[in-house]
Amino acid sequence: MRRFLRFAPWSIFGVLRVLLSLFAPILSLLPIGPSGTRQWIARNSIFAAQTFLLAATARGFDTCPMEGFDALKVGRLLGLPRGSVISLVIAIGHRRADALVEPRLRRPFDEAVVVY
């Protein structure tokens, strides 16, 4: 019975999310239950990362957001508790003077933005 009560709310939240998404698909993005809350936190951490990247660049640092890392190894290296979620890793620093930097291709503002 204890085990059932520990996992029952998770299944109830899953059913609730499915029912809400049938009536209004936008409601499926609400942070309902533990997994919904984790997904909401992961999505919102991207906004904080974007602000950090822009602020670091404004201060003269080079930054690079990274995906495709081993989250378990990074978590162990940082001493994070089990169950922690690492949404991305950001490298920050000054580039070497002899770094090979490829030129960026950017469209002019007038071509990229249409004003009516």
PDB file of N, CA and C in Angstrom:
ATOM      1  N   MET A   1       0.820  -1.189   0.000  1.00  0.00           N
ATOM      2  CA  MET A   1       0.000   0.000   0.000  1.00  0.00           C
ATOM      3  C   MET A   1       0.868   1.260   0.000  1.00  0.00           C
ATOM      4  N   ARG A   2       1.935   1.241   0.794  1.00  0.00           N
ATOM      5  CA  ARG A   2       2.834   2.400   0.840  1.00  0.00           C
ATOM      6  C   ARG A   2       3.411   2.716  -0.529  1.00  0.00           C
ATOM      7  N   ARG A   3       3.876   1.662  -1.192  1.00  0.00           N
ATOM      8  CA  ARG A   3       4.473   1.847  -2.517  1.00  0.00           C
ATOM      9  C   ARG A   3       3.446   2.425  -3.486  1.00  0.00           C
ATOM     10  N   PHE A   4       2.214   1.937  -3.431  1.00  0.00           N
ATOM     11  CA  PHE A   4       1.160   2.462  -4.298  1.00  0.00           C
ATOM     12  C   PHE A   4       0.928   3.945  -4.021  1.00  0.00           C
ATOM     13  N   LEU A   5       0.853   4.329  -2.763  1.00  0.00           N
ATOM     14  CA  LEU A   5       0.604   5.724  -2.415  1.00  0.00           C
ATOM     15  C   LEU A   5       1.771   6.617  -2.817  1.00  0.00           C
ATOM     16  N   ARG A   6       2.972   6.075  -2.864  1.00  0.00           N
ATOM     17  CA  ARG A   6       4.124   6.875  -3.273  1.00  0.00           C
ATOM     18  C   ARG A   6       4.079   7.181  -4.769  1.00  0.00           C
ATOM     19  N   PHE A   7       3.647   6.235  -5.598  1.00  0.00           N
ATOM     20  CA  PHE A   7       3.649   6.416  -7.050  1.00  0.00           C
ATOM     21  C   PHE A   7       2.283   6.772  -7.630  1.00  0.00           C
ATOM     22  N   ALA A   8       1.220   6.626  -6.884  1.00  0.00           N
ATOM     23  CA  ALA A   8      -0.128   6.913  -7.391  1.00  0.00           C
ATOM     24  C   ALA A   8      -0.282   8.361  -7.851  1.00  0.00           C
ATOM     25  N   PRO A   9       0.187   9.358  -7.080  1.00  0.00           N
ATOM     26  CA  PRO A   9       0.001  10.739  -7.553  1.00  0.00           C
ATOM     27  C   PRO A   9       0.636  10.985  -8.915  1.00  0.00           C
ATOM     28  N   TRP A  10       1.746  10.333  -9.220  1.00  0.00           N
ATOM     29  CA  TRP A  10       2.399  10.540 -10.513  1.00  0.00           C
ATOM     30  C   TRP A  10       1.479  10.088 -11.642  1.00  0.00           C
ATOM     31  N   SER A  11       0.839   8.922 -11.462  1.00  0.00           N
ATOM     32  CA  SER A  11      -0.050   8.436 -12.513  1.00  0.00           C
ATOM     33  C   SER A  11      -1.297   9.301 -12.605  1.00  0.00           C
ATOM     34  N   ILE A  12      -1.765   9.812 -11.484  1.00  0.00           N
ATOM     35  CA  ILE A  12      -2.932  10.700 -11.501  1.00  0.00           C
ATOM     36  C   ILE A  12      -2.596  11.980 -12.257  1.00  0.00           C
ATOM     37  N   PHE A  13      -1.401  12.539 -12.019  1.00  0.00           N
ATOM     38  CA  PHE A  13      -1.007  13.753 -12.718  1.00  0.00           C
ATOM     39  C   PHE A  13      -0.877  13.509 -14.212  1.00  0.00           C
ATOM     40  N   GLY A  14      -0.389  12.340 -14.591  1.00  0.00           N
ATOM     41  CA  GLY A  14      -0.267  12.015 -16.010  1.00  0.00           C
ATOM     42  C   GLY A  14      -1.626  11.959 -16.686  1.00  0.00           C
ATOM     43  N   VAL A  15      -2.591  11.328 -16.035  1.00  0.00           N
ATOM     44  CA  VAL A  15      -3.946  11.244 -16.576  1.00  0.00           C
ATOM     45  C   VAL A  15      -4.561  12.639 -16.642  1.00  0.00           C
ATOM     46  N   LEU A  16      -4.338  13.454 -15.618  1.00  0.00           N
ATOM     47  CA  LEU A  16      -4.861  14.814 -15.603  1.00  0.00           C
ATOM     48  C   LEU A  16      -4.289  15.639 -16.751  1.00  0.00           C
ATOM     49  N   ARG A  17      -3.002  15.489 -17.001  1.00  0.00           N
ATOM     50  CA  ARG A  17      -2.366  16.226 -18.103  1.00  0.00           C
ATOM     51  C   ARG A  17      -2.944  15.798 -19.452  1.00  0.00           C
ATOM     52  N   VAL A  18      -3.185  14.502 -19.629  1.00  0.00           N
ATOM     53  CA  VAL A  18      -3.763  14.010 -20.887  1.00  0.00           C
ATOM     54  C   VAL A  18      -5.180  14.548 -21.074  1.00  0.00           C
ATOM     55  N   LEU A  19      -5.969  14.537 -20.006  1.00  0.00           N
ATOM     56  CA  LEU A  19      -7.339  15.050 -20.113  1.00  0.00           C
ATOM     57  C   LEU A  19      -7.350  16.539 -20.436  1.00  0.00           C
ATOM     58  N   LEU A  20      -6.474  17.299 -19.789  1.00  0.00           N
ATOM     59  CA  LEU A  20      -6.400  18.732 -20.075  1.00  0.00           C
ATOM     60  C   LEU A  20      -5.983  18.989 -21.518  1.00  0.00           C
ATOM     61  N   SER A  21      -5.044  18.197 -22.027  1.00  0.00           N
ATOM     62  CA  SER A  21      -4.568  18.417 -23.392  1.00  0.00           C
ATOM     63  C   SER A  21      -5.631  18.063 -24.433  1.00  0.00           C
ATOM     64  N   LEU A  22      -6.586  17.202 -24.077  1.00  0.00           N
ATOM     65  CA  LEU A  22      -7.673  16.893 -25.004  1.00  0.00           C
ATOM     66  C   LEU A  22      -8.589  18.091 -25.203  1.00  0.00           C
ATOM     67  N   PHE A  23      -8.854  18.816 -24.119  1.00  0.00           N
ATOM     68  CA  PHE A  23      -9.759  19.962 -24.198  1.00  0.00           C
ATOM     69  C   PHE A  23      -9.066  21.228 -24.689  1.00  0.00           C
ATOM     70  N   ALA A  24      -7.847  21.440 -24.238  1.00  0.00           N
ATOM     71  CA  ALA A  24      -7.083  22.625 -24.649  1.00  0.00           C
ATOM     72  C   ALA A  24      -5.611  22.231 -24.675  1.00  0.00           C
ATOM     73  N   PRO A  25      -5.050  21.998 -25.869  1.00  0.00           N
ATOM     74  CA  PRO A  25      -3.664  21.522 -25.966  1.00  0.00           C
ATOM     75  C   PRO A  25      -2.653  22.418 -25.263  1.00  0.00           C
ATOM     76  N   ILE A  26      -2.909  23.712 -25.180  1.00  0.00           N
ATOM     77  CA  ILE A  26      -1.965  24.611 -24.524  1.00  0.00           C
ATOM     78  C   ILE A  26      -1.831  24.287 -23.032  1.00  0.00           C
ATOM     79  N   LEU A  27      -2.879  23.702 -22.451  1.00  0.00           N
ATOM     80  CA  LEU A  27      -2.838  23.364 -21.030  1.00  0.00           C
ATOM     81  C   LEU A  27      -1.880  22.215 -20.732  1.00  0.00           C
ATOM     82  N   SER A  28      -1.479  21.457 -21.762  1.00  0.00           N
ATOM     83  CA  SER A  28      -0.540  20.361 -21.534  1.00  0.00           C
ATOM     84  C   SER A  28       0.841  20.879 -21.134  1.00  0.00           C
ATOM     85  N   LEU A  29       1.096  22.171 -21.334  1.00  0.00           N
ATOM     86  CA  LEU A  29       2.385  22.754 -20.949  1.00  0.00           C
ATOM     87  C   LEU A  29       2.416  23.219 -19.499  1.00  0.00           C
ATOM     88  N   LEU A  30       1.280  23.155 -18.814  1.00  0.00           N
ATOM     89  CA  LEU A  30       1.260  23.564 -17.406  1.00  0.00           C
ATOM     90  C   LEU A  30       2.115  22.624 -16.560  1.00  0.00           C
ATOM     91  N   PRO A  31       2.795  23.149 -15.554  1.00  0.00           N
ATOM     92  CA  PRO A  31       3.634  22.289 -14.705  1.00  0.00           C
ATOM     93  C   PRO A  31       2.792  21.508 -13.702  1.00  0.00           C
ATOM     94  N   ILE A  32       2.165  20.432 -14.172  1.00  0.00           N
ATOM     95  CA  ILE A  32       1.327  19.598 -13.312  1.00  0.00           C
ATOM     96  C   ILE A  32       2.118  18.364 -12.920  1.00  0.00           C
ATOM     97  N   GLY A  33       2.264  18.151 -11.633  1.00  0.00           N
ATOM     98  CA  GLY A  33       2.966  16.978 -11.132  1.00  0.00           C
ATOM     99  C   GLY A  33       4.469  17.136 -11.166  1.00  0.00           C
ATOM    100  N   PRO A  34       5.177  16.153 -10.628  1.00  0.00           N
ATOM    101  CA  PRO A  34       6.640  16.230 -10.548  1.00  0.00           C
ATOM    102  C   PRO A  34       7.329  16.309 -11.905  1.00  0.00           C
ATOM    103  N   SER A  35       6.904  15.504 -12.876  1.00  0.00           N
ATOM    104  CA  SER A  35       7.584  15.537 -14.176  1.00  0.00           C
ATOM    105  C   SER A  35       7.267  16.825 -14.921  1.00  0.00           C
ATOM    106  N   GLY A  36       6.045  17.319 -14.801  1.00  0.00           N
ATOM    107  CA  GLY A  36       5.692  18.588 -15.433  1.00  0.00           C
ATOM    108  C   GLY A  36       6.475  19.742 -14.851  1.00  0.00           C
ATOM    109  N   THR A  37       6.680  19.702 -13.541  1.00  0.00           N
ATOM    110  CA  THR A  37       7.455  20.755 -12.889  1.00  0.00           C
ATOM    111  C   THR A  37       8.909  20.714 -13.345  1.00  0.00           C
ATOM    112  N   ARG A  38       9.473  19.524 -13.463  1.00  0.00           N
ATOM    113  CA  ARG A  38      10.861  19.402 -13.929  1.00  0.00           C
ATOM    114  C   ARG A  38      11.018  19.924 -15.358  1.00  0.00           C
ATOM    115  N   GLN A  39      10.048  19.621 -16.216  1.00  0.00           N
ATOM    116  CA  GLN A  39      10.109  20.112 -17.591  1.00  0.00           C
ATOM    117  C   GLN A  39       9.987  21.633 -17.628  1.00  0.00           C
ATOM    118  N   TRP A  40       9.104  22.194 -16.816  1.00  0.00           N
ATOM    119  CA  TRP A  40       8.925  23.641 -16.760  1.00  0.00           C
ATOM    120  C   TRP A  40      10.208  24.327 -16.282  1.00  0.00           C
ATOM    121  N   ILE A  41      10.844  23.747 -15.277  1.00  0.00           N
ATOM    122  CA  ILE A  41      12.093  24.316 -14.759  1.00  0.00           C
ATOM    123  C   ILE A  41      13.184  24.243 -15.823  1.00  0.00           C
ATOM    124  N   ALA A  42      13.278  23.132 -16.529  1.00  0.00           N
ATOM    125  CA  ALA A  42      14.298  22.994 -17.575  1.00  0.00           C
ATOM    126  C   ALA A  42      14.083  24.020 -18.687  1.00  0.00           C
ATOM    127  N   ARG A  43      12.822  24.227 -19.091  1.00  0.00           N
ATOM    128  CA  ARG A  43      12.551  25.226 -20.132  1.00  0.00           C
ATOM    129  C   ARG A  43      12.903  26.630 -19.655  1.00  0.00           C
ATOM    130  N   ASN A  44      12.565  26.954 -18.418  1.00  0.00           N
ATOM    131  CA  ASN A  44      12.826  28.298 -17.914  1.00  0.00           C
ATOM    132  C   ASN A  44      14.298  28.537 -17.612  1.00  0.00           C
ATOM    133  N   SER A  45      15.051  27.488 -17.375  1.00  0.00           N
ATOM    134  CA  SER A  45      16.486  27.678 -17.155  1.00  0.00           C
ATOM    135  C   SER A  45      17.176  28.178 -18.420  1.00  0.00           C
ATOM    136  N   ILE A  46      16.589  27.896 -19.566  1.00  0.00           N
ATOM    137  CA  ILE A  46      17.152  28.373 -20.828  1.00  0.00           C
ATOM    138  C   ILE A  46      17.098  29.896 -20.893  1.00  0.00           C
ATOM    139  N   PHE A  47      16.044  30.501 -20.332  1.00  0.00           N
ATOM    140  CA  PHE A  47      15.962  31.967 -20.317  1.00  0.00           C
ATOM    141  C   PHE A  47      17.071  32.561 -19.458  1.00  0.00           C
ATOM    142  N   ALA A  48      17.333  31.954 -18.319  1.00  0.00           N
ATOM    143  CA  ALA A  48      18.422  32.426 -17.460  1.00  0.00           C
ATOM    144  C   ALA A  48      19.762  32.247 -18.156  1.00  0.00           C
ATOM    145  N   ALA A  49      19.927  31.145 -18.865  1.00  0.00           N
ATOM    146  CA  ALA A  49      21.178  30.907 -19.593  1.00  0.00           C
ATOM    147  C   ALA A  49      21.367  31.946 -20.689  1.00  0.00           C
ATOM    148  N   GLN A  50      20.302  32.295 -21.388  1.00  0.00           N
ATOM    149  CA  GLN A  50      20.396  33.303 -22.440  1.00  0.00           C
ATOM    150  C   GLN A  50      20.833  34.643 -21.856  1.00  0.00           C
ATOM    151  N   THR A  51      20.269  35.036 -20.731  1.00  0.00           N
ATOM    152  CA  THR A  51      20.651  36.288 -20.080  1.00  0.00           C
ATOM    153  C   THR A  51      22.112  36.246 -19.659  1.00  0.00           C
ATOM    154  N   PHE A  52      22.552  35.114 -19.126  1.00  0.00           N
ATOM    155  CA  PHE A  52      23.943  34.954 -18.722  1.00  0.00           C
ATOM    156  C   PHE A  52      24.881  35.070 -19.922  1.00  0.00           C
ATOM    157  N   LEU A  53      24.523  34.406 -21.031  1.00  0.00           N
ATOM    158  CA  LEU A  53      25.359  34.454 -22.231  1.00  0.00           C
ATOM    159  C   LEU A  53      25.483  35.878 -22.768  1.00  0.00           C
ATOM    160  N   LEU A  54      24.369  36.596 -22.811  1.00  0.00           N
ATOM    161  CA  LEU A  54      24.397  37.972 -23.305  1.00  0.00           C
ATOM    162  C   LEU A  54      25.193  38.888 -22.386  1.00  0.00           C
ATOM    163  N   ALA A  55      25.037  38.721 -21.069  1.00  0.00           N
ATOM    164  CA  ALA A  55      25.770  39.555 -20.115  1.00  0.00           C
ATOM    165  C   ALA A  55      27.263  39.282 -20.186  1.00  0.00           C
ATOM    166  N   ALA A  56      27.651  38.021 -20.303  1.00  0.00           N
ATOM    167  CA  ALA A  56      29.072  37.678 -20.388  1.00  0.00           C
ATOM    168  C   ALA A  56      29.686  38.233 -21.673  1.00  0.00           C
ATOM    169  N   THR A  57      28.951  38.149 -22.774  1.00  0.00           N
ATOM    170  CA  THR A  57      29.443  38.696 -24.038  1.00  0.00           C
ATOM    171  C   THR A  57      29.591  40.212 -23.952  1.00  0.00           C
ATOM    172  N   ALA A  58      28.648  40.868 -23.278  1.00  0.00           N
ATOM    173  CA  ALA A  58      28.735  42.324 -23.110  1.00  0.00           C
ATOM    174  C   ALA A  58      29.950  42.716 -22.279  1.00  0.00           C
ATOM    175  N   ARG A  59      30.396  41.815 -21.416  1.00  0.00           N
ATOM    176  CA  ARG A  59      31.588  42.072 -20.589  1.00  0.00           C
ATOM    177  C   ARG A  59      32.886  41.666 -21.268  1.00  0.00           C
ATOM    178  N   GLY A  60      32.804  41.170 -22.496  1.00  0.00           N
ATOM    179  CA  GLY A  60      34.005  40.837 -23.243  1.00  0.00           C
ATOM    180  C   GLY A  60      34.434  39.387 -23.177  1.00  0.00           C
ATOM    181  N   PHE A  61      33.584  38.522 -22.644  1.00  0.00           N
ATOM    182  CA  PHE A  61      33.903  37.096 -22.584  1.00  0.00           C
ATOM    183  C   PHE A  61      33.325  36.390 -23.800  1.00  0.00           C
ATOM    184  N   ASP A  62      33.931  35.270 -24.148  1.00  0.00           N
ATOM    185  CA  ASP A  62      33.381  34.396 -25.177  1.00  0.00           C
ATOM    186  C   ASP A  62      32.627  33.283 -24.468  1.00  0.00           C
ATOM    187  N   THR A  63      31.469  32.926 -24.995  1.00  0.00           N
ATOM    188  CA  THR A  63      30.645  31.892 -24.367  1.00  0.00           C
ATOM    189  C   THR A  63      30.217  30.872 -25.407  1.00  0.00           C
ATOM    190  N   CYS A  64      29.879  29.688 -24.917  1.00  0.00           N
ATOM    191  CA  CYS A  64      29.401  28.634 -25.811  1.00  0.00           C
ATOM    192  C   CYS A  64      28.479  27.703 -25.028  1.00  0.00           C
ATOM    193  N   PRO A  65      27.173  27.705 -25.332  1.00  0.00           N
ATOM    194  CA  PRO A  65      26.285  26.728 -24.684  1.00  0.00           C
ATOM    195  C   PRO A  65      26.509  25.357 -25.312  1.00  0.00           C
ATOM    196  N   MET A  66      26.471  24.320 -24.483  1.00  0.00           N
ATOM    197  CA  MET A  66      26.755  22.972 -24.984  1.00  0.00           C
ATOM    198  C   MET A  66      25.656  21.994 -24.586  1.00  0.00           C
ATOM    199  N   GLU A  67      25.335  21.129 -25.511  1.00  0.00           N
ATOM    200  CA  GLU A  67      24.472  19.984 -25.252  1.00  0.00           C
ATOM    201  C   GLU A  67      25.272  18.742 -25.603  1.00  0.00           C
ATOM    202  N   GLY A  68      24.698  17.586 -25.354  1.00  0.00           N
ATOM    203  CA  GLY A  68      25.371  16.358 -25.732  1.00  0.00           C
ATOM    204  C   GLY A  68      26.464  15.947 -24.761  1.00  0.00           C
ATOM    205  N   PHE A  69      26.341  16.341 -23.518  1.00  0.00           N
ATOM    206  CA  PHE A  69      27.318  15.969 -22.493  1.00  0.00           C
ATOM    207  C   PHE A  69      26.744  14.853 -21.632  1.00  0.00           C
ATOM    208  N   ASP A  70      27.596  14.208 -20.866  1.00  0.00           N
ATOM    209  CA  ASP A  70      27.153  13.154 -19.966  1.00  0.00           C
ATOM    210  C   ASP A  70      26.711  13.799 -18.655  1.00  0.00           C
ATOM    211  N   ALA A  71      25.407  13.951 -18.478  1.00  0.00           N
ATOM    212  CA  ALA A  71      24.874  14.652 -17.308  1.00  0.00           C
ATOM    213  C   ALA A  71      25.224  13.942 -16.001  1.00  0.00           C
ATOM    214  N   LEU A  72      25.280  12.620 -16.018  1.00  0.00           N
ATOM    215  CA  LEU A  72      25.625  11.894 -14.790  1.00  0.00           C
ATOM    216  C   LEU A  72      27.058  12.205 -14.352  1.00  0.00           C
ATOM    217  N   LYS A  73      27.989  12.219 -15.301  1.00  0.00           N
ATOM    218  CA  LYS A  73      29.381  12.514 -14.966  1.00  0.00           C
ATOM    219  C   LYS A  73      29.540  13.954 -14.496  1.00  0.00           C
ATOM    220  N   VAL A  74      28.854  14.888 -15.160  1.00  0.00           N
ATOM    221  CA  VAL A  74      28.938  16.289 -14.752  1.00  0.00           C
ATOM    222  C   VAL A  74      28.350  16.458 -13.357  1.00  0.00           C
ATOM    223  N   GLY A  75      27.228  15.797 -13.098  1.00  0.00           N
ATOM    224  CA  GLY A  75      26.607  15.862 -11.776  1.00  0.00           C
ATOM    225  C   GLY A  75      27.509  15.312 -10.685  1.00  0.00           C
ATOM    226  N   ARG A  76      28.172  14.189 -10.961  1.00  0.00           N
ATOM    227  CA  ARG A  76      29.108  13.626  -9.982  1.00  0.00           C
ATOM    228  C   ARG A  76      30.295  14.549  -9.763  1.00  0.00           C
ATOM    229  N   LEU A  77      30.819  15.121 -10.846  1.00  0.00           N
ATOM    230  CA  LEU A  77      31.956  16.021 -10.761  1.00  0.00           C
ATOM    231  C   LEU A  77      31.627  17.251  -9.908  1.00  0.00           C
ATOM    232  N   LEU A  78      30.402  17.766 -10.044  1.00  0.00           N
ATOM    233  CA  LEU A  78      29.981  18.933  -9.281  1.00  0.00           C
ATOM    234  C   LEU A  78      29.445  18.584  -7.891  1.00  0.00           C
ATOM    235  N   GLY A  79      29.269  17.308  -7.628  1.00  0.00           N
ATOM    236  CA  GLY A  79      28.757  16.884  -6.324  1.00  0.00           C
ATOM    237  C   GLY A  79      27.281  17.179  -6.137  1.00  0.00           C
ATOM    238  N   LEU A  80      26.511  17.119  -7.230  1.00  0.00           N
ATOM    239  CA  LEU A  80      25.083  17.397  -7.147  1.00  0.00           C
ATOM    240  C   LEU A  80      24.335  16.194  -6.597  1.00  0.00           C
ATOM    241  N   PRO A  81      23.223  16.421  -5.905  1.00  0.00           N
ATOM    242  CA  PRO A  81      22.454  15.285  -5.386  1.00  0.00           C
ATOM    243  C   PRO A  81      21.815  14.475  -6.507  1.00  0.00           C
ATOM    244  N   ARG A  82      21.567  13.228  -6.220  1.00  0.00           N
ATOM    245  CA  ARG A  82      20.950  12.340  -7.205  1.00  0.00           C
ATOM    246  C   ARG A  82      19.578  12.885  -7.596  1.00  0.00           C
ATOM    247  N   GLY A  83      19.257  12.836  -8.880  1.00  0.00           N
ATOM    248  CA  GLY A  83      17.985  13.345  -9.367  1.00  0.00           C
ATOM    249  C   GLY A  83      18.057  14.777  -9.870  1.00  0.00           C
ATOM    250  N   SER A  84      19.229  15.398  -9.751  1.00  0.00           N
ATOM    251  CA  SER A  84      19.381  16.761 -10.259  1.00  0.00           C
ATOM    252  C   SER A  84      19.350  16.737 -11.786  1.00  0.00           C
ATOM    253  N   VAL A  85      18.832  17.812 -12.362  1.00  0.00           N
ATOM    254  CA  VAL A  85      18.737  17.912 -13.817  1.00  0.00           C
ATOM    255  C   VAL A  85      19.682  19.002 -14.290  1.00  0.00           C
ATOM    256  N   ILE A  86      20.532  18.673 -15.238  1.00  0.00           N
ATOM    257  CA  ILE A  86      21.445  19.644 -15.837  1.00  0.00           C
ATOM    258  C   ILE A  86      20.945  19.873 -17.257  1.00  0.00           C
ATOM    259  N   SER A  87      20.398  21.057 -17.514  1.00  0.00           N
ATOM    260  CA  SER A  87      19.805  21.301 -18.827  1.00  0.00           C
ATOM    261  C   SER A  87      20.845  21.671 -19.869  1.00  0.00           C
ATOM    262  N   LEU A  88      21.898  22.381 -19.493  1.00  0.00           N
ATOM    263  CA  LEU A  88      22.975  22.685 -20.415  1.00  0.00           C
ATOM    264  C   LEU A  88      24.221  23.096 -19.648  1.00  0.00           C
ATOM    265  N   VAL A  89      25.328  23.044 -20.337  1.00  0.00           N
ATOM    266  CA  VAL A  89      26.618  23.457 -19.789  1.00  0.00           C
ATOM    267  C   VAL A  89      27.084  24.639 -20.616  1.00  0.00           C
ATOM    268  N   ILE A  90      27.643  25.646 -19.941  1.00  0.00           N
ATOM    269  CA  ILE A  90      28.109  26.832 -20.644  1.00  0.00           C
ATOM    270  C   ILE A  90      29.608  26.982 -20.427  1.00  0.00           C
ATOM    271  N   ALA A  91      30.351  27.052 -21.530  1.00  0.00           N
ATOM    272  CA  ALA A  91      31.779  27.336 -21.454  1.00  0.00           C
ATOM    273  C   ALA A  91      31.936  28.858 -21.558  1.00  0.00           C
ATOM    274  N   ILE A  92      32.789  29.429 -20.710  1.00  0.00           N
ATOM    275  CA  ILE A  92      32.997  30.875 -20.706  1.00  0.00           C
ATOM    276  C   ILE A  92      34.477  31.155 -20.497  1.00  0.00           C
ATOM    277  N   GLY A  93      34.988  32.165 -21.167  1.00  0.00           N
ATOM    278  CA  GLY A  93      36.391  32.534 -21.008  1.00  0.00           C
ATOM    279  C   GLY A  93      36.823  33.524 -22.076  1.00  0.00           C
ATOM    280  N   HIS A  94      38.097  33.802 -22.086  1.00  0.00           N
ATOM    281  CA  HIS A  94      38.666  34.669 -23.115  1.00  0.00           C
ATOM    282  C   HIS A  94      39.333  33.790 -24.161  1.00  0.00           C
ATOM    283  N   ARG A  95      39.141  34.125 -25.435  1.00  0.00           N
ATOM    284  CA  ARG A  95      39.771  33.317 -26.475  1.00  0.00           C
ATOM    285  C   ARG A  95      41.248  33.669 -26.586  1.00  0.00           C
ATOM    286  N   ARG A  96      42.010  32.708 -27.015  1.00  0.00           N
ATOM    287  CA  ARG A  96      43.439  32.937 -27.215  1.00  0.00           C
ATOM    288  C   ARG A  96      43.649  33.882 -28.383  1.00  0.00           C
ATOM    289  N   ALA A  97      44.757  34.585 -28.359  1.00  0.00           N
ATOM    290  CA  ALA A  97      45.050  35.542 -29.426  1.00  0.00           C
ATOM    291  C   ALA A  97      45.214  34.845 -30.772  1.00  0.00           C
ATOM    292  N   ASP A  98      45.710  33.612 -30.757  1.00  0.00           N
ATOM    293  CA  ASP A  98      45.926  32.896 -32.015  1.00  0.00           C
ATOM    294  C   ASP A  98      44.782  31.929 -32.351  1.00  0.00           C
ATOM    295  N   ALA A  99      43.608  32.145 -31.773  1.00  0.00           N
ATOM    296  CA  ALA A  99      42.470  31.265 -32.029  1.00  0.00           C
ATOM    297  C   ALA A  99      41.983  31.418 -33.464  1.00  0.00           C
ATOM    298  N   LEU A 100      41.598  30.293 -34.054  1.00  0.00           N
ATOM    299  CA  LEU A 100      41.059  30.313 -35.408  1.00  0.00           C
ATOM    300  C   LEU A 100      39.553  30.551 -35.312  1.00  0.00           C
ATOM    301  N   VAL A 101      39.138  31.716 -35.721  1.00  0.00           N
ATOM    302  CA  VAL A 101      37.721  32.066 -35.674  1.00  0.00           C
ATOM    303  C   VAL A 101      37.234  32.256 -37.092  1.00  0.00           C
ATOM    304  N   GLU A 102      36.255  31.460 -37.466  1.00  0.00           N
ATOM    305  CA  GLU A 102      35.710  31.564 -38.817  1.00  0.00           C
ATOM    306  C   GLU A 102      34.797  32.784 -38.899  1.00  0.00           C
ATOM    307  N   PRO A 103      34.795  33.443 -40.043  1.00  0.00           N
ATOM    308  CA  PRO A 103      33.923  34.614 -40.186  1.00  0.00           C
ATOM    309  C   PRO A 103      32.452  34.208 -40.139  1.00  0.00           C
ATOM    310  N   ARG A 104      31.630  35.056 -39.558  1.00  0.00           N
ATOM    311  CA  ARG A 104      30.202  34.790 -39.480  1.00  0.00           C
ATOM    312  C   ARG A 104      29.493  35.407 -40.671  1.00  0.00           C
ATOM    313  N   LEU A 105      28.504  34.708 -41.143  1.00  0.00           N
ATOM    314  CA  LEU A 105      27.692  35.222 -42.224  1.00  0.00           C
ATOM    315  C   LEU A 105      26.390  35.727 -41.614  1.00  0.00           C
ATOM    316  N   ARG A 106      26.183  37.022 -41.639  1.00  0.00           N
ATOM    317  CA  ARG A 106      24.954  37.596 -41.112  1.00  0.00           C
ATOM    318  C   ARG A 106      24.301  38.459 -42.172  1.00  0.00           C
ATOM    319  N   ARG A 107      23.004  38.353 -42.238  1.00  0.00           N
ATOM    320  CA  ARG A 107      22.258  39.196 -43.157  1.00  0.00           C
ATOM    321  C   ARG A 107      22.158  40.600 -42.580  1.00  0.00           C
ATOM    322  N   PRO A 108      22.098  41.590 -43.439  1.00  0.00           N
ATOM    323  CA  PRO A 108      21.878  42.955 -42.940  1.00  0.00           C
ATOM    324  C   PRO A 108      20.526  43.047 -42.252  1.00  0.00           C
ATOM    325  N   PHE A 109      20.406  43.962 -41.312  1.00  0.00           N
ATOM    326  CA  PHE A 109      19.183  44.136 -40.522  1.00  0.00           C
ATOM    327  C   PHE A 109      17.966  44.348 -41.421  1.00  0.00           C
ATOM    328  N   ASP A 110      18.135  45.155 -42.458  1.00  0.00           N
ATOM    329  CA  ASP A 110      17.015  45.464 -43.354  1.00  0.00           C
ATOM    330  C   ASP A 110      16.489  44.231 -44.087  1.00  0.00           C
ATOM    331  N   GLU A 111      17.357  43.255 -44.343  1.00  0.00           N
ATOM    332  CA  GLU A 111      16.919  42.025 -45.013  1.00  0.00           C
ATOM    333  C   GLU A 111      16.243  41.062 -44.036  1.00  0.00           C
ATOM    334  N   ALA A 112      16.654  41.097 -42.788  1.00  0.00           N
ATOM    335  CA  ALA A 112      16.151  40.140 -41.808  1.00  0.00           C
ATOM    336  C   ALA A 112      14.849  40.595 -41.141  1.00  0.00           C
ATOM    337  N   VAL A 113      14.634  41.909 -41.054  1.00  0.00           N
ATOM    338  CA  VAL A 113      13.464  42.441 -40.353  1.00  0.00           C
ATOM    339  C   VAL A 113      12.604  43.218 -41.331  1.00  0.00           C
ATOM    340  N   VAL A 114      11.334  42.896 -41.332  1.00  0.00           N
ATOM    341  CA  VAL A 114      10.380  43.601 -42.195  1.00  0.00           C
ATOM    342  C   VAL A 114       9.513  44.470 -41.306  1.00  0.00           C
ATOM    343  N   VAL A 115       9.471  45.775 -41.591  1.00  0.00           N
ATOM    344  CA  VAL A 115       8.665  46.705 -40.813  1.00  0.00           C
ATOM    345  C   VAL A 115       7.509  47.170 -41.679  1.00  0.00           C
ATOM    346  N   TYR A 116       6.296  47.048 -41.159  1.00  0.00           N
ATOM    347  CA  TYR A 116       5.094  47.478 -41.889  1.00  0.00           C
ATOM    348  C   TYR A 116       4.658  48.836 -41.413  1.00  0.00           C
TER     349      TYR A 116
END
